Amino acid sequence: MQLFIGGACAGKRDAVIARFPEAQWWRLDAAQPFIDSQQALVANTPLIITGVLEWLGVALERDDNDALRQQWQREMIQLCQRADELNAALIMIATDVGRGVVPMEPEQRRLRDLNGWFTQDATAQAEQVWYVRHGLVMALK
């Protein structure tokens, strides 16, 4: 898996399109589990997953962070394994929201926490991690 992370409108999508022009795109559905992404996997075809922050927004309804994190960790491992079996490159685009003003609302602070944990877990699974800022792409891993 490759992870592209950066702020809003930083150039992540353009960087991914330049590297994977033939890829299929899958936007996470807030009402569906993360593992449902595997239905979009096609042999020998890169799959780009987007919509992480919005998908995590629905998780605010649950209050067990540990169980939620364990669930997406398991599903991320399963998705990476299935992509490997199909020889399908897996690319995830995530938004970095850890910079800037800390929100006053507790649920918005929790969303930033969830997003941070998710991107840490994605980084652990990824073979390559790219940080995109101002359209510049920097390899982190």
N, C-alpha and C. Protein backbone atom coordinates (compact mmCIF):
# COMPACT_ATOMS: atom_id res chain seq x y z
N MET A 1 0.85 -1.17 0.00
CA MET A 1 0.00 0.00 0.00
C MET A 1 0.89 1.23 0.00
N GLN A 2 0.38 2.27 -0.65
CA GLN A 2 1.03 3.58 -0.60
C GLN A 2 0.04 4.55 0.03
N LEU A 3 0.54 5.44 0.86
CA LEU A 3 -0.28 6.45 1.51
C LEU A 3 0.20 7.83 1.07
N PHE A 4 -0.73 8.63 0.60
CA PHE A 4 -0.47 10.03 0.26
C PHE A 4 -1.22 10.86 1.29
N ILE A 5 -0.49 11.69 2.03
CA ILE A 5 -1.11 12.50 3.07
C ILE A 5 -0.68 13.94 2.91
N GLY A 6 -1.59 14.84 3.22
CA GLY A 6 -1.32 16.27 3.14
C GLY A 6 -2.57 17.04 3.48
N GLY A 7 -2.45 18.32 3.58
CA GLY A 7 -3.59 19.16 3.90
C GLY A 7 -4.59 19.25 2.75
N ALA A 8 -5.70 19.92 3.02
CA ALA A 8 -6.73 20.11 2.00
C ALA A 8 -6.15 20.89 0.82
N CYS A 9 -6.46 20.48 -0.37
CA CYS A 9 -6.04 21.16 -1.60
C CYS A 9 -4.52 21.30 -1.71
N ALA A 10 -3.79 20.33 -1.18
CA ALA A 10 -2.32 20.38 -1.20
C ALA A 10 -1.74 19.80 -2.47
N GLY A 11 -2.56 19.09 -3.26
CA GLY A 11 -2.07 18.48 -4.49
C GLY A 11 -1.98 16.97 -4.43
N LYS A 12 -2.59 16.37 -3.41
CA LYS A 12 -2.53 14.91 -3.25
C LYS A 12 -3.15 14.20 -4.45
N ARG A 13 -4.33 14.60 -4.84
CA ARG A 13 -5.04 13.96 -5.94
C ARG A 13 -4.23 14.05 -7.24
N ASP A 14 -3.69 15.22 -7.53
CA ASP A 14 -2.89 15.38 -8.75
C ASP A 14 -1.65 14.50 -8.72
N ALA A 15 -1.01 14.39 -7.56
CA ALA A 15 0.18 13.55 -7.44
C ALA A 15 -0.17 12.09 -7.69
N VAL A 16 -1.30 11.65 -7.17
CA VAL A 16 -1.73 10.26 -7.35
C VAL A 16 -2.11 10.00 -8.80
N ILE A 17 -2.84 10.91 -9.42
CA ILE A 17 -3.24 10.75 -10.82
C ILE A 17 -2.00 10.66 -11.72
N ALA A 18 -0.99 11.46 -11.43
CA ALA A 18 0.23 11.44 -12.24
C ALA A 18 0.94 10.09 -12.14
N ARG A 19 0.88 9.47 -10.99
CA ARG A 19 1.57 8.19 -10.78
C ARG A 19 0.74 6.98 -11.18
N PHE A 20 -0.59 7.11 -11.08
CA PHE A 20 -1.49 5.98 -11.33
C PHE A 20 -2.64 6.40 -12.24
N PRO A 21 -2.34 6.76 -13.49
CA PRO A 21 -3.40 7.27 -14.37
C PRO A 21 -4.46 6.22 -14.72
N GLU A 22 -4.13 4.95 -14.63
CA GLU A 22 -5.06 3.89 -15.02
C GLU A 22 -5.85 3.33 -13.83
N ALA A 23 -5.71 3.93 -12.67
CA ALA A 23 -6.30 3.39 -11.44
C ALA A 23 -7.82 3.58 -11.39
N GLN A 24 -8.43 2.71 -10.60
CA GLN A 24 -9.83 2.87 -10.24
C GLN A 24 -9.88 3.66 -8.94
N TRP A 25 -10.97 4.39 -8.74
CA TRP A 25 -11.13 5.20 -7.54
C TRP A 25 -12.29 4.65 -6.70
N TRP A 26 -12.11 4.67 -5.38
CA TRP A 26 -13.15 4.23 -4.45
C TRP A 26 -13.24 5.24 -3.33
N ARG A 27 -14.42 5.83 -3.18
CA ARG A 27 -14.64 6.77 -2.08
C ARG A 27 -15.31 6.01 -0.95
N LEU A 28 -14.71 6.07 0.23
CA LEU A 28 -15.29 5.39 1.38
C LEU A 28 -16.70 5.91 1.63
N ASP A 29 -17.61 4.98 1.88
CA ASP A 29 -18.99 5.31 2.17
C ASP A 29 -19.13 5.36 3.68
N ALA A 30 -19.59 6.48 4.18
CA ALA A 30 -19.68 6.67 5.62
C ALA A 30 -20.55 5.61 6.30
N ALA A 31 -21.49 5.04 5.57
CA ALA A 31 -22.40 4.06 6.17
C ALA A 31 -21.87 2.63 6.07
N GLN A 32 -20.72 2.43 5.44
CA GLN A 32 -20.20 1.08 5.21
C GLN A 32 -18.88 0.86 5.94
N PRO A 33 -18.59 -0.40 6.29
CA PRO A 33 -17.30 -0.68 6.92
C PRO A 33 -16.15 -0.49 5.93
N PHE A 34 -14.98 -0.23 6.47
CA PHE A 34 -13.79 0.00 5.66
C PHE A 34 -13.51 -1.17 4.72
N ILE A 35 -13.74 -2.40 5.19
CA ILE A 35 -13.44 -3.60 4.42
C ILE A 35 -14.24 -3.68 3.12
N ASP A 36 -15.35 -2.97 3.04
CA ASP A 36 -16.15 -2.97 1.81
C ASP A 36 -15.36 -2.43 0.62
N SER A 37 -14.25 -1.76 0.88
CA SER A 37 -13.40 -1.26 -0.19
C SER A 37 -12.88 -2.38 -1.07
N GLN A 38 -12.77 -3.59 -0.51
CA GLN A 38 -12.20 -4.68 -1.28
C GLN A 38 -13.08 -5.09 -2.46
N GLN A 39 -14.37 -4.72 -2.44
CA GLN A 39 -15.21 -5.05 -3.58
C GLN A 39 -14.80 -4.27 -4.84
N ALA A 40 -14.05 -3.21 -4.67
CA ALA A 40 -13.58 -2.43 -5.82
C ALA A 40 -12.25 -2.92 -6.36
N LEU A 41 -11.62 -3.88 -5.68
CA LEU A 41 -10.34 -4.40 -6.15
C LEU A 41 -10.51 -5.22 -7.42
N VAL A 42 -9.65 -4.95 -8.38
CA VAL A 42 -9.62 -5.67 -9.65
C VAL A 42 -8.17 -6.10 -9.88
N ALA A 43 -8.01 -7.32 -10.33
CA ALA A 43 -6.66 -7.85 -10.56
C ALA A 43 -5.85 -6.93 -11.47
N ASN A 44 -4.61 -6.70 -11.08
CA ASN A 44 -3.64 -5.93 -11.87
C ASN A 44 -4.06 -4.48 -12.13
N THR A 45 -4.96 -3.95 -11.30
CA THR A 45 -5.43 -2.58 -11.47
C THR A 45 -5.28 -1.83 -10.15
N PRO A 46 -4.56 -0.72 -10.13
CA PRO A 46 -4.42 0.04 -8.89
C PRO A 46 -5.78 0.54 -8.40
N LEU A 47 -5.95 0.56 -7.09
CA LEU A 47 -7.16 1.09 -6.46
C LEU A 47 -6.78 2.23 -5.54
N ILE A 48 -7.43 3.36 -5.74
CA ILE A 48 -7.19 4.55 -4.93
C ILE A 48 -8.39 4.75 -4.01
N ILE A 49 -8.12 4.83 -2.72
CA ILE A 49 -9.18 5.00 -1.71
C ILE A 49 -9.12 6.42 -1.19
N THR A 50 -10.27 7.09 -1.21
CA THR A 50 -10.37 8.47 -0.72
C THR A 50 -11.53 8.56 0.29
N GLY A 51 -11.70 9.72 0.88
CA GLY A 51 -12.83 9.97 1.77
C GLY A 51 -12.64 9.52 3.20
N VAL A 52 -11.40 9.37 3.62
CA VAL A 52 -11.11 8.86 4.96
C VAL A 52 -11.70 9.76 6.04
N LEU A 53 -11.48 11.05 5.96
CA LEU A 53 -11.93 11.97 7.01
C LEU A 53 -13.45 11.95 7.14
N GLU A 54 -14.15 11.97 6.03
CA GLU A 54 -15.60 11.94 6.06
C GLU A 54 -16.10 10.61 6.63
N TRP A 55 -15.43 9.51 6.25
CA TRP A 55 -15.79 8.19 6.75
C TRP A 55 -15.60 8.13 8.27
N LEU A 56 -14.51 8.71 8.75
CA LEU A 56 -14.27 8.73 10.18
C LEU A 56 -15.28 9.59 10.93
N GLY A 57 -15.85 10.59 10.25
CA GLY A 57 -16.84 11.45 10.88
C GLY A 57 -18.03 10.68 11.42
N VAL A 58 -18.40 9.60 10.73
CA VAL A 58 -19.52 8.77 11.19
C VAL A 58 -19.13 8.02 12.46
N ALA A 59 -17.86 7.73 12.62
CA ALA A 59 -17.38 7.01 13.80
C ALA A 59 -17.55 7.83 15.08
N LEU A 60 -17.80 9.11 14.95
CA LEU A 60 -18.00 9.93 16.14
C LEU A 60 -19.20 9.47 16.95
N GLU A 61 -20.11 8.74 16.29
CA GLU A 61 -21.30 8.23 16.99
C GLU A 61 -20.92 7.12 17.97
N ARG A 62 -19.83 6.42 17.69
CA ARG A 62 -19.35 5.37 18.60
C ARG A 62 -18.39 6.01 19.59
N ASP A 63 -18.35 5.46 20.81
CA ASP A 63 -17.47 6.08 21.79
C ASP A 63 -16.36 5.16 22.27
N ASP A 64 -16.18 4.02 21.63
CA ASP A 64 -15.11 3.11 22.02
C ASP A 64 -13.97 3.21 21.01
N ASN A 65 -13.05 4.12 21.26
CA ASN A 65 -11.94 4.35 20.33
C ASN A 65 -11.10 3.10 20.10
N ASP A 66 -10.83 2.36 21.17
CA ASP A 66 -9.96 1.18 21.04
C ASP A 66 -10.59 0.12 20.14
N ALA A 67 -11.87 -0.17 20.35
CA ALA A 67 -12.56 -1.18 19.51
C ALA A 67 -12.64 -0.71 18.07
N LEU A 68 -12.91 0.55 17.87
CA LEU A 68 -12.99 1.11 16.52
C LEU A 68 -11.65 0.99 15.82
N ARG A 69 -10.60 1.34 16.53
CA ARG A 69 -9.25 1.27 15.94
C ARG A 69 -8.86 -0.16 15.63
N GLN A 70 -9.15 -1.09 16.53
CA GLN A 70 -8.84 -2.50 16.28
C GLN A 70 -9.58 -3.02 15.05
N GLN A 71 -10.82 -2.58 14.87
CA GLN A 71 -11.61 -3.01 13.72
C GLN A 71 -10.97 -2.53 12.42
N TRP A 72 -10.64 -1.24 12.32
CA TRP A 72 -10.07 -0.78 11.05
C TRP A 72 -8.66 -1.32 10.84
N GLN A 73 -7.92 -1.60 11.93
CA GLN A 73 -6.60 -2.22 11.76
C GLN A 73 -6.74 -3.61 11.12
N ARG A 74 -7.67 -4.42 11.64
CA ARG A 74 -7.92 -5.75 11.06
C ARG A 74 -8.34 -5.65 9.60
N GLU A 75 -9.26 -4.74 9.33
CA GLU A 75 -9.78 -4.60 7.97
C GLU A 75 -8.73 -4.07 7.01
N MET A 76 -7.85 -3.20 7.50
CA MET A 76 -6.78 -2.68 6.65
C MET A 76 -5.81 -3.80 6.28
N ILE A 77 -5.50 -4.66 7.23
CA ILE A 77 -4.61 -5.80 6.96
C ILE A 77 -5.26 -6.73 5.93
N GLN A 78 -6.55 -7.02 6.11
CA GLN A 78 -7.26 -7.89 5.17
C GLN A 78 -7.30 -7.27 3.77
N LEU A 79 -7.54 -5.98 3.70
CA LEU A 79 -7.59 -5.30 2.41
C LEU A 79 -6.23 -5.34 1.72
N CYS A 80 -5.16 -5.10 2.46
CA CYS A 80 -3.81 -5.15 1.88
C CYS A 80 -3.47 -6.56 1.40
N GLN A 81 -3.86 -7.57 2.17
CA GLN A 81 -3.61 -8.95 1.77
C GLN A 81 -4.36 -9.29 0.49
N ARG A 82 -5.62 -8.87 0.40
CA ARG A 82 -6.41 -9.15 -0.80
C ARG A 82 -5.83 -8.42 -2.01
N ALA A 83 -5.40 -7.20 -1.83
CA ALA A 83 -4.79 -6.44 -2.93
C ALA A 83 -3.52 -7.15 -3.41
N ASP A 84 -2.72 -7.66 -2.48
CA ASP A 84 -1.51 -8.40 -2.85
C ASP A 84 -1.86 -9.65 -3.65
N GLU A 85 -2.90 -10.38 -3.22
CA GLU A 85 -3.32 -11.58 -3.93
C GLU A 85 -3.72 -11.27 -5.37
N LEU A 86 -4.31 -10.10 -5.58
CA LEU A 86 -4.77 -9.70 -6.91
C LEU A 86 -3.73 -8.90 -7.69
N ASN A 87 -2.56 -8.72 -7.09
CA ASN A 87 -1.53 -7.90 -7.72
C ASN A 87 -2.07 -6.52 -8.09
N ALA A 88 -2.86 -5.98 -7.16
CA ALA A 88 -3.47 -4.66 -7.35
C ALA A 88 -2.82 -3.68 -6.38
N ALA A 89 -2.17 -2.68 -6.92
CA ALA A 89 -1.59 -1.64 -6.05
C ALA A 89 -2.71 -0.96 -5.29
N LEU A 90 -2.48 -0.73 -4.01
CA LEU A 90 -3.47 -0.08 -3.16
C LEU A 90 -2.90 1.26 -2.75
N ILE A 91 -3.66 2.33 -3.01
CA ILE A 91 -3.21 3.68 -2.72
C ILE A 91 -4.28 4.36 -1.89
N MET A 92 -3.89 4.98 -0.79
CA MET A 92 -4.84 5.68 0.04
C MET A 92 -4.46 7.15 0.10
N ILE A 93 -5.47 8.01 0.01
CA ILE A 93 -5.27 9.45 0.14
C ILE A 93 -5.92 9.88 1.45
N ALA A 94 -5.14 10.52 2.33
CA ALA A 94 -5.66 10.97 3.62
C ALA A 94 -5.35 12.45 3.81
N THR A 95 -6.22 13.11 4.54
CA THR A 95 -6.05 14.52 4.81
C THR A 95 -5.41 14.73 6.17
N ASP A 96 -4.35 15.52 6.20
CA ASP A 96 -3.69 15.87 7.45
C ASP A 96 -4.45 17.02 8.08
N VAL A 97 -5.01 16.79 9.25
CA VAL A 97 -5.74 17.85 9.96
C VAL A 97 -5.08 18.17 11.29
N GLY A 98 -3.84 17.74 11.46
CA GLY A 98 -3.15 17.93 12.72
C GLY A 98 -2.47 19.27 12.88
N ARG A 99 -2.55 20.09 11.87
CA ARG A 99 -1.93 21.41 11.95
C ARG A 99 -3.02 22.47 12.08
N GLY A 100 -2.68 23.59 12.59
CA GLY A 100 -3.64 24.69 12.66
C GLY A 100 -4.31 24.79 14.02
N VAL A 101 -5.41 25.49 14.03
CA VAL A 101 -6.14 25.79 15.26
C VAL A 101 -6.84 24.53 15.77
N VAL A 102 -6.73 24.29 17.06
CA VAL A 102 -7.44 23.17 17.69
C VAL A 102 -8.89 23.60 17.89
N PRO A 103 -9.84 22.80 17.40
CA PRO A 103 -11.25 23.21 17.51
C PRO A 103 -11.73 23.24 18.96
N MET A 104 -12.71 24.07 19.22
CA MET A 104 -13.31 24.17 20.54
C MET A 104 -14.22 22.98 20.83
N GLU A 105 -14.90 22.47 19.79
CA GLU A 105 -15.88 21.41 19.98
C GLU A 105 -15.18 20.07 20.24
N PRO A 106 -15.58 19.36 21.30
CA PRO A 106 -14.96 18.08 21.62
C PRO A 106 -15.05 17.05 20.49
N GLU A 107 -16.17 17.01 19.77
CA GLU A 107 -16.30 16.02 18.70
C GLU A 107 -15.35 16.31 17.55
N GLN A 108 -15.05 17.58 17.29
CA GLN A 108 -14.10 17.92 16.24
C GLN A 108 -12.66 17.59 16.66
N ARG A 109 -12.38 17.75 17.94
CA ARG A 109 -11.05 17.34 18.44
C ARG A 109 -10.92 15.82 18.35
N ARG A 110 -12.00 15.12 18.68
CA ARG A 110 -11.97 13.65 18.61
C ARG A 110 -11.81 13.18 17.16
N LEU A 111 -12.45 13.87 16.22
CA LEU A 111 -12.29 13.52 14.81
C LEU A 111 -10.82 13.63 14.41
N ARG A 112 -10.15 14.65 14.87
CA ARG A 112 -8.72 14.80 14.57
C ARG A 112 -7.90 13.68 15.19
N ASP A 113 -8.29 13.27 16.40
CA ASP A 113 -7.62 12.13 17.02
C ASP A 113 -7.81 10.86 16.20
N LEU A 114 -9.06 10.58 15.82
CA LEU A 114 -9.35 9.39 15.02
C LEU A 114 -8.57 9.41 13.71
N ASN A 115 -8.54 10.57 13.06
CA ASN A 115 -7.82 10.70 11.80
C ASN A 115 -6.31 10.46 12.01
N GLY A 116 -5.78 10.98 13.09
CA GLY A 116 -4.36 10.77 13.39
C GLY A 116 -4.05 9.30 13.63
N TRP A 117 -4.90 8.61 14.38
CA TRP A 117 -4.68 7.17 14.63
C TRP A 117 -4.81 6.37 13.34
N PHE A 118 -5.81 6.74 12.53
CA PHE A 118 -6.00 6.02 11.28
C PHE A 118 -4.78 6.17 10.38
N THR A 119 -4.27 7.38 10.25
CA THR A 119 -3.12 7.58 9.36
C THR A 119 -1.86 6.94 9.95
N GLN A 120 -1.74 6.87 11.26
CA GLN A 120 -0.61 6.13 11.86
C GLN A 120 -0.70 4.65 11.50
N ASP A 121 -1.91 4.10 11.58
CA ASP A 121 -2.10 2.69 11.25
C ASP A 121 -1.88 2.43 9.77
N ALA A 122 -2.33 3.35 8.92
CA ALA A 122 -2.11 3.22 7.48
C ALA A 122 -0.61 3.32 7.18
N THR A 123 0.08 4.20 7.86
CA THR A 123 1.52 4.33 7.68
C THR A 123 2.24 3.04 8.06
N ALA A 124 1.79 2.41 9.13
CA ALA A 124 2.41 1.16 9.56
C ALA A 124 2.24 0.07 8.50
N GLN A 125 1.11 0.06 7.79
CA GLN A 125 0.84 -0.95 6.77
C GLN A 125 1.48 -0.61 5.42
N ALA A 126 1.71 0.66 5.19
CA ALA A 126 2.18 1.12 3.88
C ALA A 126 3.65 0.79 3.65
N GLU A 127 3.94 0.42 2.39
CA GLU A 127 5.33 0.27 1.98
C GLU A 127 5.95 1.63 1.70
N GLN A 128 5.11 2.55 1.20
CA GLN A 128 5.59 3.90 0.88
C GLN A 128 4.58 4.91 1.42
N VAL A 129 5.12 6.00 1.96
CA VAL A 129 4.29 7.09 2.46
C VAL A 129 4.82 8.38 1.85
N TRP A 130 3.91 9.17 1.30
CA TRP A 130 4.26 10.43 0.64
C TRP A 130 3.53 11.56 1.34
N TYR A 131 4.25 12.65 1.61
CA TYR A 131 3.62 13.85 2.15
C TYR A 131 3.57 14.89 1.03
N VAL A 132 2.38 15.45 0.82
CA VAL A 132 2.19 16.41 -0.27
C VAL A 132 1.82 17.76 0.33
N ARG A 133 2.59 18.77 -0.07
CA ARG A 133 2.35 20.13 0.40
C ARG A 133 2.70 21.08 -0.74
N HIS A 134 1.77 21.96 -1.06
CA HIS A 134 1.96 22.93 -2.13
C HIS A 134 2.30 22.26 -3.46
N GLY A 135 1.76 21.06 -3.67
CA GLY A 135 2.02 20.33 -4.90
C GLY A 135 3.35 19.61 -4.93
N LEU A 136 4.15 19.75 -3.90
CA LEU A 136 5.44 19.07 -3.81
C LEU A 136 5.25 17.77 -3.06
N VAL A 137 5.86 16.70 -3.59
CA VAL A 137 5.70 15.38 -3.00
C VAL A 137 7.02 14.95 -2.36
N MET A 138 6.95 14.61 -1.07
CA MET A 138 8.15 14.20 -0.35
C MET A 138 7.95 12.79 0.20
N ALA A 139 8.91 11.93 -0.05
CA ALA A 139 8.86 10.56 0.46
C ALA A 139 9.18 10.58 1.95
N LEU A 140 8.29 9.98 2.75
CA LEU A 140 8.54 9.86 4.18
C LEU A 140 8.95 8.45 4.56
N LYS A 141 8.51 7.50 3.76
CA LYS A 141 8.82 6.10 4.03
C LYS A 141 8.93 5.36 2.72
